[in-house]
C-alpha atoms as a PDB file:
ATOM      1  CA  MET A   1    -181.110  -0.202  32.337  1.00  0.00           C
ATOM      2  CA  LEU A   2    -182.403   2.006  35.175  1.00  0.00           C
ATOM      3  CA  TRP A   3    -179.905   2.418  37.988  1.00  0.00           C
ATOM      4  CA  PRO A   4    -180.883   2.863  41.669  1.00  0.00           C
ATOM      5  CA  LEU A   5    -181.235   6.461  42.817  1.00  0.00           C
ATOM      6  CA  ARG A   6    -179.198   7.849  45.675  1.00  0.00           C
ATOM      7  CA  ALA A   7    -179.838  10.455  48.371  1.00  0.00           C
ATOM      8  CA  LEU A   8    -176.543  10.392  50.193  1.00  0.00           C
ATOM      9  CA  SER A   9    -176.983  12.722  53.155  1.00  0.00           C
ATOM     10  CA  CYS A  10    -179.660  10.854  55.114  1.00  0.00           C
ATOM     11  CA  LYS A  11    -179.751   7.247  56.314  1.00  0.00           C
ATOM     12  CA  SER A  12    -183.506   6.903  55.909  1.00  0.00           C
ATOM     13  CA  PHE A  13    -183.360   7.625  52.186  1.00  0.00           C
ATOM     14  CA  ARG A  14    -179.860   6.396  51.479  1.00  0.00           C
ATOM     15  CA  GLU A  15    -180.962   3.900  48.842  1.00  0.00           C
ATOM     16  CA  VAL A  16    -184.073   4.298  46.717  1.00  0.00           C
ATOM     17  CA  SER A  17    -184.736   1.841  43.892  1.00  0.00           C
ATOM     18  CA  ALA A  18    -185.940   3.126  40.541  1.00  0.00           C
ATOM     19  CA  PRO A  19    -189.337   1.814  39.398  1.00  0.00           C
ATOM     20  CA  ARG A  20    -189.624  -0.812  36.712  1.00  0.00           C
ATOM     21  CA  LEU A  21    -191.949   1.254  34.532  1.00  0.00           C
ATOM     22  CA  TYR A  22    -190.073   3.952  32.676  1.00  0.00           C
ATOM     23  CA  PRO A  23    -193.057   6.344  32.110  1.00  0.00           C
ATOM     24  CA  TYR A  24    -193.144   7.018  35.851  1.00  0.00           C
ATOM     25  CA  TYR A  25    -189.405   7.562  36.203  1.00  0.00           C
ATOM     26  CA  ALA A  26    -189.472  11.382  36.051  1.00  0.00           C
ATOM     27  CA  SER A  27    -192.243  11.578  38.643  1.00  0.00           C
ATOM     28  CA  PHE A  28    -190.345   9.218  40.897  1.00  0.00           C
ATOM     29  CA  VAL A  29    -187.218  11.379  40.702  1.00  0.00           C
ATOM     30  CA  SER A  30    -189.262  14.437  41.689  1.00  0.00           C
ATOM     31  CA  LEU A  31    -190.805  12.588  44.623  1.00  0.00           C
ATOM     32  CA  THR A  32    -187.377  11.417  45.787  1.00  0.00           C
ATOM     33  CA  LEU A  33    -186.085  15.001  45.725  1.00  0.00           C
ATOM     34  CA  VAL A  34    -189.053  16.152  47.791  1.00  0.00           C
ATOM     35  CA  LEU A  35    -188.558  13.398  50.351  1.00  0.00           C
ATOM     36  CA  ALA A  36    -184.849  14.131  50.579  1.00  0.00           C
ATOM     37  CA  THR A  37    -185.548  17.810  51.178  1.00  0.00           C
ATOM     38  CA  VAL A  38    -188.209  17.131  53.832  1.00  0.00           C
ATOM     39  CA  VAL A  39    -185.889  14.973  55.924  1.00  0.00           C
ATOM     40  CA  GLY A  40    -182.855  17.182  55.411  1.00  0.00           C
ATOM     41  CA  CYS A  41    -181.061  15.020  52.893  1.00  0.00           C
ATOM     42  CA  GLY A  42    -178.869  16.349  50.137  1.00  0.00           C
ATOM     43  CA  SER A  43    -179.797  15.674  46.534  1.00  0.00           C
ATOM     44  CA  GLN A  44    -176.346  15.369  44.983  1.00  0.00           C
ATOM     45  CA  ASN A  45    -175.363  12.100  43.320  1.00  0.00           C
ATOM     46  CA  LEU A  46    -179.026  11.194  42.910  1.00  0.00           C
ATOM     47  CA  ALA A  47    -178.475   9.098  39.790  1.00  0.00           C
ATOM     48  CA  ALA A  48    -175.728   6.497  39.609  1.00  0.00           C
ATOM     49  CA  PRO A  49    -172.973   6.810  36.979  1.00  0.00           C
ATOM     50  CA  GLU A  50    -173.440   5.266  33.576  1.00  0.00           C
ATOM     51  CA  PRO A  51    -171.741   1.891  33.006  1.00  0.00           C
ATOM     52  CA  THR A  52    -169.325   1.441  30.134  1.00  0.00           C
ATOM     53  CA  SER A  53    -168.901  -1.570  27.902  1.00  0.00           C
ATOM     54  CA  GLY A  54    -166.420  -4.142  29.097  1.00  0.00           C
ATOM     55  CA  ASP A  55    -166.501  -3.159  32.779  1.00  0.00           C
ATOM     56  CA  PRO A  56    -164.723  -5.911  34.747  1.00  0.00           C
ATOM     57  CA  VAL A  57    -166.654  -8.455  36.786  1.00  0.00           C
ATOM     58  CA  PHE A  58    -165.336  -9.653  40.155  1.00  0.00           C
ATOM     59  CA  VAL A  59    -167.052 -12.749  41.512  1.00  0.00           C
ATOM     60  CA  GLY A  60    -166.511 -15.175  44.365  1.00  0.00           C
ATOM     61  CA  ALA A  61    -167.065 -16.156  48.002  1.00  0.00           C
ATOM     62  CA  GLY A  62    -165.220 -17.645  50.951  1.00  0.00           C
ATOM     63  CA  ASP A  63    -165.468 -20.809  53.072  1.00  0.00           C
ATOM     64  CA  ILE A  64    -165.564 -23.000  50.034  1.00  0.00           C
ATOM     65  CA  ALA A  65    -164.437 -26.560  49.369  1.00  0.00           C
ATOM     66  CA  ASP A  66    -165.410 -29.469  51.601  1.00  0.00           C
ATOM     67  CA  CYS A  67    -165.426 -33.052  50.376  1.00  0.00           C
ATOM     68  CA  GLU A  68    -168.187 -33.875  52.858  1.00  0.00           C
ATOM     69  CA  THR A  69    -170.709 -31.420  51.386  1.00  0.00           C
ATOM     70  CA  SER A  70    -172.079 -30.614  47.943  1.00  0.00           C
ATOM     71  CA  GLY A  71    -172.420 -26.870  48.453  1.00  0.00           C
ATOM     72  CA  ASP A  72    -169.078 -26.142  46.821  1.00  0.00           C
ATOM     73  CA  GLU A  73    -170.127 -28.106  43.749  1.00  0.00           C
ATOM     74  CA  ALA A  74    -173.247 -25.945  43.440  1.00  0.00           C
ATOM     75  CA  THR A  75    -171.371 -22.658  43.842  1.00  0.00           C
ATOM     76  CA  ALA A  76    -168.704 -23.844  41.399  1.00  0.00           C
ATOM     77  CA  GLU A  77    -171.452 -24.189  38.793  1.00  0.00           C
ATOM     78  CA  LEU A  78    -172.369 -20.547  39.361  1.00  0.00           C
ATOM     79  CA  ILE A  79    -168.764 -19.412  38.977  1.00  0.00           C
ATOM     80  CA  ALA A  80    -168.371 -21.412  35.768  1.00  0.00           C
ATOM     81  CA  ASN A  81    -171.219 -19.445  34.195  1.00  0.00           C
ATOM     82  CA  ILE A  82    -170.011 -15.962  35.189  1.00  0.00           C
ATOM     83  CA  ASP A  83    -167.157 -14.402  33.233  1.00  0.00           C
ATOM     84  CA  GLY A  84    -164.593 -12.261  35.016  1.00  0.00           C
ATOM     85  CA  THR A  85    -161.981 -12.440  37.758  1.00  0.00           C
ATOM     86  CA  VAL A  86    -162.692 -14.934  40.541  1.00  0.00           C
ATOM     87  CA  PHE A  87    -161.832 -14.084  44.141  1.00  0.00           C
ATOM     88  CA  THR A  88    -161.733 -16.380  47.136  1.00  0.00           C
ATOM     89  CA  LEU A  89    -162.116 -15.086  50.690  1.00  0.00           C
ATOM     90  CA  GLY A  90    -160.221 -17.771  52.569  1.00  0.00           C
ATOM     91  CA  ASP A  91    -160.881 -21.172  54.122  1.00  0.00           C
ATOM     92  CA  ASN A  92    -160.590 -22.403  50.585  1.00  0.00           C
ATOM     93  CA  ALA A  93    -160.218 -26.132  51.331  1.00  0.00           C
ATOM     94  CA  TYR A  94    -161.449 -27.927  54.446  1.00  0.00           C
ATOM     95  CA  PRO A  95    -160.602 -29.122  56.971  1.00  0.00           C
ATOM     96  CA  GLN A  96    -156.987 -27.937  57.066  1.00  0.00           C
ATOM     97  CA  GLY A  97    -155.972 -26.547  53.691  1.00  0.00           C
ATOM     98  CA  SER A  98    -153.677 -29.472  53.061  1.00  0.00           C
ATOM     99  CA  GLU A  99    -152.321 -30.550  49.700  1.00  0.00           C
ATOM    100  CA  ALA A 100    -154.832 -33.406  49.757  1.00  0.00           C
ATOM    101  CA  ASN A 101    -157.731 -31.077  50.656  1.00  0.00           C
ATOM    102  CA  PHE A 102    -156.930 -28.853  47.694  1.00  0.00           C
ATOM    103  CA  ALA A 103    -156.432 -31.796  45.337  1.00  0.00           C
ATOM    104  CA  ASP A 104    -159.501 -33.757  46.402  1.00  0.00           C
ATOM    105  CA  CYS A 105    -161.996 -31.036  47.350  1.00  0.00           C
ATOM    106  CA  TYR A 106    -161.081 -27.673  45.765  1.00  0.00           C
ATOM    107  CA  GLU A 107    -159.592 -28.777  42.444  1.00  0.00           C
ATOM    108  CA  PRO A 108    -162.685 -30.706  41.182  1.00  0.00           C
ATOM    109  CA  THR A 109    -164.978 -27.729  41.953  1.00  0.00           C
ATOM    110  CA  TRP A 110    -163.652 -24.173  42.118  1.00  0.00           C
ATOM    111  CA  GLY A 111    -160.296 -25.401  40.856  1.00  0.00           C
ATOM    112  CA  ARG A 112    -161.741 -25.441  37.362  1.00  0.00           C
ATOM    113  CA  GLU A 113    -161.440 -21.634  37.443  1.00  0.00           C
ATOM    114  CA  LYS A 114    -157.959 -21.558  38.986  1.00  0.00           C
ATOM    115  CA  HIS A 115    -156.512 -19.801  35.929  1.00  0.00           C
ATOM    116  CA  ARG A 116    -158.574 -16.662  36.695  1.00  0.00           C
ATOM    117  CA  THR A 117    -158.608 -16.804  40.504  1.00  0.00           C
ATOM    118  CA  LYS A 118    -157.110 -14.253  42.916  1.00  0.00           C
ATOM    119  CA  PRO A 119    -157.216 -15.875  46.388  1.00  0.00           C
ATOM    120  CA  VAL A 120    -156.630 -14.869  49.990  1.00  0.00           C
ATOM    121  CA  PRO A 121    -156.016 -17.344  52.845  1.00  0.00           C
ATOM    122  CA  GLY A 122    -158.234 -18.110  55.825  1.00  0.00           C
ATOM    123  CA  ASN A 123    -157.481 -19.573  59.217  1.00  0.00           C
ATOM    124  CA  ASN A 124    -158.232 -23.118  58.039  1.00  0.00           C
ATOM    125  CA  ASP A 125    -155.703 -22.694  55.263  1.00  0.00           C
ATOM    126  CA  TYR A 126    -153.123 -22.128  58.020  1.00  0.00           C
ATOM    127  CA  VAL A 127    -153.844 -25.326  59.943  1.00  0.00           C
ATOM    128  CA  GLU A 128    -150.865 -26.684  58.038  1.00  0.00           C
ATOM    129  CA  ALA A 129    -147.671 -24.827  58.903  1.00  0.00           C
ATOM    130  CA  GLY A 130    -147.178 -21.739  56.764  1.00  0.00           C
ATOM    131  CA  ALA A 131    -150.364 -22.509  54.801  1.00  0.00           C
ATOM    132  CA  ALA A 132    -148.142 -24.706  52.663  1.00  0.00           C
ATOM    133  CA  GLY A 133    -151.003 -26.446  50.866  1.00  0.00           C
ATOM    134  CA  TYR A 134    -152.599 -23.106  49.960  1.00  0.00           C
ATOM    135  CA  PHE A 135    -149.431 -21.472  48.640  1.00  0.00           C
ATOM    136  CA  ASP A 136    -148.312 -24.602  46.787  1.00  0.00           C
ATOM    137  CA  TYR A 137    -151.699 -24.924  45.102  1.00  0.00           C
ATOM    138  CA  PHE A 138    -152.177 -21.321  43.995  1.00  0.00           C
ATOM    139  CA  GLY A 139    -148.498 -20.588  43.356  1.00  0.00           C
ATOM    140  CA  ASN A 140    -147.658 -17.068  42.198  1.00  0.00           C
ATOM    141  CA  ALA A 141    -151.327 -16.070  42.232  1.00  0.00           C
ATOM    142  CA  ALA A 142    -151.258 -16.145  46.054  1.00  0.00           C
ATOM    143  CA  GLY A 143    -148.305 -13.783  46.390  1.00  0.00           C
ATOM    144  CA  ASP A 144    -145.194 -14.237  48.505  1.00  0.00           C
ATOM    145  CA  PRO A 145    -145.750 -17.220  50.874  1.00  0.00           C
ATOM    146  CA  ALA A 146    -144.172 -15.205  53.694  1.00  0.00           C
ATOM    147  CA  LYS A 147    -146.815 -12.504  53.224  1.00  0.00           C
ATOM    148  CA  GLY A 148    -149.956 -13.636  51.401  1.00  0.00           C
ATOM    149  CA  TYR A 149    -150.905 -10.078  50.467  1.00  0.00           C
ATOM    150  CA  TYR A 150    -150.645  -8.311  47.115  1.00  0.00           C
ATOM    151  CA  SER A 151    -152.499  -5.866  44.867  1.00  0.00           C
ATOM    152  CA  TYR A 152    -153.521  -5.378  41.246  1.00  0.00           C
ATOM    153  CA  ASP A 153    -155.820  -3.284  39.070  1.00  0.00           C
ATOM    154  CA  LEU A 154    -159.122  -4.176  37.417  1.00  0.00           C
ATOM    155  CA  GLY A 155    -160.361  -1.522  35.017  1.00  0.00           C
ATOM    156  CA  GLN A 156    -160.559   1.737  36.957  1.00  0.00           C
ATOM    157  CA  TRP A 157    -160.378  -0.095  40.288  1.00  0.00           C
ATOM    158  CA  HIS A 158    -157.396  -0.773  42.514  1.00  0.00           C
ATOM    159  CA  VAL A 159    -157.808  -4.131  44.289  1.00  0.00           C
ATOM    160  CA  VAL A 160    -155.907  -5.113  47.437  1.00  0.00           C
ATOM    161  CA  ALA A 161    -155.760  -8.734  48.630  1.00  0.00           C
ATOM    162  CA  LEU A 162    -154.758  -8.875  52.299  1.00  0.00           C
ATOM    163  CA  ASN A 163    -153.861 -11.547  54.853  1.00  0.00           C
ATOM    164  CA  SER A 164    -156.050 -11.295  57.947  1.00  0.00           C
ATOM    165  CA  ASN A 165    -154.242 -14.174  59.660  1.00  0.00           C
ATOM    166  CA  CYS A 166    -152.349 -11.445  61.440  1.00  0.00           C
ATOM    167  CA  GLU A 167    -150.281 -13.572  63.782  1.00  0.00           C
ATOM    168  CA  LYS A 168    -148.889 -15.478  60.779  1.00  0.00           C
ATOM    169  CA  VAL A 169    -147.479 -12.384  59.053  1.00  0.00           C
ATOM    170  CA  GLY A 170    -146.153 -10.254  61.903  1.00  0.00           C
ATOM    171  CA  GLY A 171    -149.439  -8.655  62.932  1.00  0.00           C
ATOM    172  CA  CYS A 172    -151.884  -6.137  61.482  1.00  0.00           C
ATOM    173  CA  ILE A 173    -151.096  -3.206  63.776  1.00  0.00           C
ATOM    174  CA  ALA A 174    -149.830   0.140  62.505  1.00  0.00           C
ATOM    175  CA  THR A 175    -146.182  -0.870  62.923  1.00  0.00           C
ATOM    176  CA  SER A 176    -146.528  -4.205  61.143  1.00  0.00           C
ATOM    177  CA  ALA A 177    -144.995  -4.962  57.756  1.00  0.00           C
ATOM    178  CA  GLN A 178    -148.395  -5.583  56.171  1.00  0.00           C
ATOM    179  CA  PHE A 179    -149.812  -2.271  57.430  1.00  0.00           C
ATOM    180  CA  ARG A 180    -146.801  -0.312  56.185  1.00  0.00           C
ATOM    181  CA  TRP A 181    -146.988  -2.107  52.825  1.00  0.00           C
ATOM    182  CA  LEU A 182    -150.698  -1.285  52.592  1.00  0.00           C
ATOM    183  CA  GLU A 183    -150.142   2.405  53.297  1.00  0.00           C
ATOM    184  CA  ASP A 184    -147.421   2.568  50.637  1.00  0.00           C
ATOM    185  CA  ASP A 185    -149.542   0.633  48.142  1.00  0.00           C
ATOM    186  CA  LEU A 186    -152.552   2.908  48.636  1.00  0.00           C
ATOM    187  CA  ALA A 187    -150.408   6.056  48.450  1.00  0.00           C
ATOM    188  CA  ALA A 188    -148.997   4.887  45.121  1.00  0.00           C
ATOM    189  CA  ASN A 189    -152.500   4.381  43.711  1.00  0.00           C
ATOM    190  CA  GLU A 190    -152.772   7.751  41.935  1.00  0.00           C
ATOM    191  CA  TYR A 191    -154.653   6.794  38.801  1.00  0.00           C
ATOM    192  CA  LYS A 192    -157.579   4.655  39.948  1.00  0.00           C
ATOM    193  CA  ASP A 193    -160.798   6.235  41.193  1.00  0.00           C
ATOM    194  CA  CYS A 194    -162.117   3.268  43.168  1.00  0.00           C
ATOM    195  CA  THR A 195    -160.564   0.867  45.688  1.00  0.00           C
ATOM    196  CA  LEU A 196    -161.635  -2.577  46.902  1.00  0.00           C
ATOM    197  CA  ALA A 197    -159.937  -4.704  49.557  1.00  0.00           C
ATOM    198  CA  TYR A 198    -160.626  -8.297  50.550  1.00  0.00           C
ATOM    199  CA  PHE A 199    -159.480 -10.631  53.324  1.00  0.00           C
ATOM    200  CA  HIS A 200    -160.898 -13.473  55.392  1.00  0.00           C
ATOM    201  CA  HIS A 201    -161.765 -12.066  58.841  1.00  0.00           C
ATOM    202  CA  PRO A 202    -164.384  -9.270  58.922  1.00  0.00           C
ATOM    203  CA  LEU A 203    -163.979  -6.304  61.217  1.00  0.00           C
ATOM    204  CA  PHE A 204    -167.780  -6.154  61.505  1.00  0.00           C
ATOM    205  CA  SER A 205    -170.014  -9.217  61.656  1.00  0.00           C
ATOM    206  CA  SER A 206    -173.549  -9.860  62.806  1.00  0.00           C
ATOM    207  CA  GLY A 207    -172.201 -13.190  63.827  1.00  0.00           C
ATOM    208  CA  GLY A 208    -173.249 -16.736  63.724  1.00  0.00           C
ATOM    209  CA  ILE A 209    -170.112 -18.007  65.376  1.00  0.00           C
ATOM    210  CA  HIS A 210    -167.300 -15.478  65.374  1.00  0.00           C
ATOM    211  CA  GLY A 211    -168.570 -11.882  65.490  1.00  0.00           C
ATOM    212  CA  ASN A 212    -166.319  -8.862  64.999  1.00  0.00           C
ATOM    213  CA  THR A 213    -162.555  -9.174  64.459  1.00  0.00           C
ATOM    214  CA  PRO A 214    -161.005  -6.149  66.245  1.00  0.00           C
ATOM    215  CA  GLU A 215    -157.517  -7.059  65.010  1.00  0.00           C
ATOM    216  CA  MET A 216    -158.541  -5.791  61.571  1.00  0.00           C
ATOM    217  CA  LYS A 217    -159.360  -2.248  62.723  1.00  0.00           C
ATOM    218  CA  PRO A 218    -155.914  -0.777  61.862  1.00  0.00           C
ATOM    219  CA  ILE A 219    -156.206  -2.216  58.348  1.00  0.00           C
ATOM    220  CA  TRP A 220    -159.686  -0.698  58.047  1.00  0.00           C
ATOM    221  CA  GLU A 221    -158.315   2.646  59.260  1.00  0.00           C
ATOM    222  CA  ALA A 222    -155.650   2.701  56.557  1.00  0.00           C
ATOM    223  CA  LEU A 223    -158.239   1.850  53.904  1.00  0.00           C
ATOM    224  CA  TYR A 224    -160.679   4.443  55.254  1.00  0.00           C
ATOM    225  CA  VAL A 225    -158.105   7.234  55.230  1.00  0.00           C
ATOM    226  CA  ALA A 226    -157.215   6.331  51.643  1.00  0.00           C
ATOM    227  CA  GLY A 227    -160.869   6.499  50.558  1.00  0.00           C
ATOM    228  CA  ALA A 228    -161.485   2.804  49.902  1.00  0.00           C
ATOM    229  CA  ASP A 229    -164.998   1.940  48.783  1.00  0.00           C
ATOM    230  CA  VAL A 230    -165.637  -1.778  49.361  1.00  0.00           C
ATOM    231  CA  ILE A 231    -164.302  -4.489  51.682  1.00  0.00           C
ATOM    232  CA  LEU A 232    -165.094  -8.186  51.223  1.00  0.00           C
ATOM    233  CA  SER A 233    -164.649 -10.794  53.959  1.00  0.00           C
ATOM    234  CA  ALA A 234    -165.973 -14.223  54.966  1.00  0.00           C
ATOM    235  CA  HIS A 235    -165.221 -16.409  58.052  1.00  0.00           C
ATOM    236  CA  GLU A 236    -168.913 -16.438  59.038  1.00  0.00           C
ATOM    237  CA  HIS A 237    -170.762 -19.019  56.928  1.00  0.00           C
ATOM    238  CA  ASN A 238    -173.525 -16.635  55.903  1.00  0.00           C
ATOM    239  CA  TYR A 239    -174.150 -13.468  53.877  1.00  0.00           C
ATOM    240  CA  GLN A 240    -174.150  -9.951  55.295  1.00  0.00           C
ATOM    241  CA  ARG A 241    -174.227  -6.520  53.681  1.00  0.00           C
ATOM    242  CA  PHE A 242    -173.483  -3.422  55.719  1.00  0.00           C
ATOM    243  CA  ALA A 243    -174.177   0.255  55.153  1.00  0.00           C
ATOM    244  CA  PRO A 244    -171.086   2.417  54.537  1.00  0.00           C
ATOM    245  CA  GLN A 245    -169.382   2.976  57.891  1.00  0.00           C
ATOM    246  CA  ASP A 246    -166.134   4.141  59.424  1.00  0.00           C
ATOM    247  CA  PRO A 247    -163.666   1.892  61.303  1.00  0.00           C
ATOM    248  CA  SER A 248    -165.515   2.558  64.566  1.00  0.00           C
ATOM    249  CA  GLY A 249    -168.790   1.254  63.134  1.00  0.00           C
ATOM    250  CA  THR A 250    -170.426   4.673  62.715  1.00  0.00           C
ATOM    251  CA  TRP A 251    -172.633   5.130  59.657  1.00  0.00           C
ATOM    252  CA  ASP A 252    -170.833   7.426  57.208  1.00  0.00           C
ATOM    253  CA  SER A 253    -172.442   8.351  53.914  1.00  0.00           C
ATOM    254  CA  GLU A 254    -169.530  10.477  52.712  1.00  0.00           C
ATOM    255  CA  GLN A 255    -166.439   8.312  53.257  1.00  0.00           C
ATOM    256  CA  GLY A 256    -167.732   5.109  54.798  1.00  0.00           C
ATOM    257  CA  ILE A 257    -166.668   1.711  53.460  1.00  0.00           C
ATOM    258  CA  ARG A 258    -169.333  -0.827  52.504  1.00  0.00           C
ATOM    259  CA  GLU A 259    -168.497  -4.289  53.862  1.00  0.00           C
ATOM    260  CA  PHE A 260    -169.841  -7.566  52.528  1.00  0.00           C
ATOM    261  CA  VAL A 261    -169.433 -10.840  54.416  1.00  0.00           C
ATOM    262  CA  VAL A 262    -169.666 -13.673  51.887  1.00  0.00           C
ATOM    263  CA  GLY A 263    -168.931 -16.958  53.663  1.00  0.00           C
ATOM    264  CA  THR A 264    -171.317 -18.760  51.343  1.00  0.00           C
ATOM    265  CA  GLY A 265    -168.977 -20.781  49.136  1.00  0.00           C
ATOM    266  CA  GLY A 266    -170.380 -24.138  50.215  1.00  0.00           C
ATOM    267  CA  GLY A 267    -168.210 -25.453  53.030  1.00  0.00           C
ATOM    268  CA  LYS A 268    -169.195 -26.636  56.521  1.00  0.00           C
ATOM    269  CA  GLY A 269    -172.836 -25.599  56.636  1.00  0.00           C
ATOM    270  CA  HIS A 270    -174.425 -22.297  57.645  1.00  0.00           C
ATOM    271  CA  TYR A 271    -173.970 -20.094  60.728  1.00  0.00           C
ATOM    272  CA  LYS A 272    -177.214 -18.741  62.203  1.00  0.00           C
ATOM    273  CA  ILE A 273    -177.534 -14.970  62.705  1.00  0.00           C
ATOM    274  CA  GLU A 274    -179.493 -14.188  65.870  1.00  0.00           C
ATOM    275  CA  SER A 275    -178.900 -10.483  66.522  1.00  0.00           C
ATOM    276  CA  PRO A 276    -177.835  -8.293  63.575  1.00  0.00           C
ATOM    277  CA  ILE A 277    -175.532  -5.488  64.671  1.00  0.00           C
ATOM    278  CA  GLU A 278    -175.891  -1.810  63.816  1.00  0.00           C
ATOM    279  CA  ASN A 279    -175.584  -0.880  60.125  1.00  0.00           C
ATOM    280  CA  THR A 280    -176.481  -4.387  58.964  1.00  0.00           C
ATOM    281  CA  GLU A 281    -178.648  -3.785  55.896  1.00  0.00           C
ATOM    282  CA  VAL A 282    -179.251  -7.302  54.567  1.00  0.00           C
ATOM    283  CA  TYR A 283    -178.360 -10.765  55.840  1.00  0.00           C
ATOM    284  CA  ASN A 284    -179.098 -14.407  55.089  1.00  0.00           C
ATOM    285  CA  ASP A 285    -177.984 -17.540  56.918  1.00  0.00           C
ATOM    286  CA  ASP A 286    -179.352 -20.444  54.909  1.00  0.00           C
ATOM    287  CA  THR A 287    -178.231 -19.967  51.294  1.00  0.00           C
ATOM    288  CA  TYR A 288    -175.051 -20.834  49.431  1.00  0.00           C
ATOM    289  CA  GLY A 289    -174.076 -18.535  46.596  1.00  0.00           C
ATOM    290  CA  VAL A 290    -171.553 -16.066  45.225  1.00  0.00           C
ATOM    291  CA  LEU A 291    -171.229 -12.291  45.153  1.00  0.00           C
ATOM    292  CA  LYS A 292    -170.919 -10.749  41.705  1.00  0.00           C
ATOM    293  CA  LEU A 293    -169.545  -7.216  41.497  1.00  0.00           C
ATOM    294  CA  THR A 294    -169.503  -5.227  38.267  1.00  0.00           C
ATOM    295  CA  LEU A 295    -166.831  -2.565  38.597  1.00  0.00           C
ATOM    296  CA  HIS A 296    -167.771   0.591  36.697  1.00  0.00           C
ATOM    297  CA  PRO A 297    -165.332   3.521  36.319  1.00  0.00           C
ATOM    298  CA  SER A 298    -167.024   5.524  39.095  1.00  0.00           C
ATOM    299  CA  GLY A 299    -169.279   3.028  40.852  1.00  0.00           C
ATOM    300  CA  TYR A 300    -170.289  -0.590  41.172  1.00  0.00           C
ATOM    301  CA  ASP A 301    -173.210  -3.019  41.064  1.00  0.00           C
ATOM    302  CA  TRP A 302    -173.506  -5.900  43.508  1.00  0.00           C
ATOM    303  CA  GLN A 303    -175.546  -9.051  43.105  1.00  0.00           C
ATOM    304  CA  PHE A 304    -175.707 -12.050  45.390  1.00  0.00           C
ATOM    305  CA  VAL A 305    -176.346 -15.035  43.124  1.00  0.00           C
ATOM    306  CA  PRO A 306    -177.865 -18.027  44.978  1.00  0.00           C
ATOM    307  CA  VAL A 307    -177.322 -21.644  44.044  1.00  0.00           C
ATOM    308  CA  GLU A 308    -180.008 -23.361  41.997  1.00  0.00           C
ATOM    309  CA  GLY A 309    -183.230 -23.861  43.894  1.00  0.00           C
ATOM    310  CA  GLU A 310    -182.734 -21.035  46.400  1.00  0.00           C
ATOM    311  CA  ALA A 311    -184.772 -17.832  46.355  1.00  0.00           C
ATOM    312  CA  PHE A 312    -182.678 -15.381  48.404  1.00  0.00           C
ATOM    313  CA  ALA A 313    -180.984 -12.648  46.403  1.00  0.00           C
ATOM    314  CA  ASP A 314    -179.552  -9.196  47.024  1.00  0.00           C
ATOM    315  CA  SER A 315    -178.562  -6.510  44.533  1.00  0.00           C
ATOM    316  CA  GLY A 316    -177.901  -2.795  44.249  1.00  0.00           C
ATOM    317  CA  SER A 317    -175.523  -0.110  43.056  1.00  0.00           C
ATOM    318  CA  ASP A 318    -173.382   2.598  44.617  1.00  0.00           C
ATOM    319  CA  TRP A 319    -170.848   5.274  43.738  1.00  0.00           C
ATOM    320  CA  CYS A 320    -167.176   5.294  44.546  1.00  0.00           C
ATOM    321  CA  HIS A 321    -166.093   8.127  46.819  1.00  0.00           C
END
């Protein structure tokens, strides 16, 4: 397997894909080094780290189950054929995350993988008071019902599941219980090289309906200071991949966090993207699918897997900080 090459110090040559034909690989590396030098880019970290056998897979999406559509059935088929830990990014069962919505809409589709699912709640899951349907359905896997945030490890990665329904858990500001918990959790993470966080509302979004969620900036700041690598969100019913950036939205090749918006689980149609914001690298607003991450000890691969019959796809690799 040939991994993508990296030239980390310049936006123009931040990601360069290796050629398919191995005989030309050495020449391509030389050319990449020349280009990086010409434009003032550094050449460190040019080749991605080697994968190891048994690296964990993390796969999922948000905005998922709706009894009035068939998109969730199609994405559930994808999940069923991908081994690993399943994540959900909120708005798990439409229209209001009720016990009936989970039983009738989520359980027959994504519910088949409930035993390996690590969820977070969305705003629709909170239409019912206290997100009772969500917490009753997922039980201990969803964490404390008064919080809805928790963390765990996958291989050499530390994974943090957060609750972006800030007003439901005492806020997301620097004095809030969730923020203080997050700081303590990240500080205690001494033995994992890579960090991933996921929650429903994206700080950055090229839109469709909602756009950016400024309330999540303090959470981003805590993750940025701690050197987190990847953030996953949903809320917008489309797919977006951003370049690594800081909490102010400035491109940052050294410590920036790469955000994915993956509101493609199958529920409630698609949200059109009219004007992509700065640092948007790839987006799609007409395809259901799931994001598959392979978590290597010092880096990761991403792959957007579309439902059957759709052509859009996105893939790549990157290092952890």
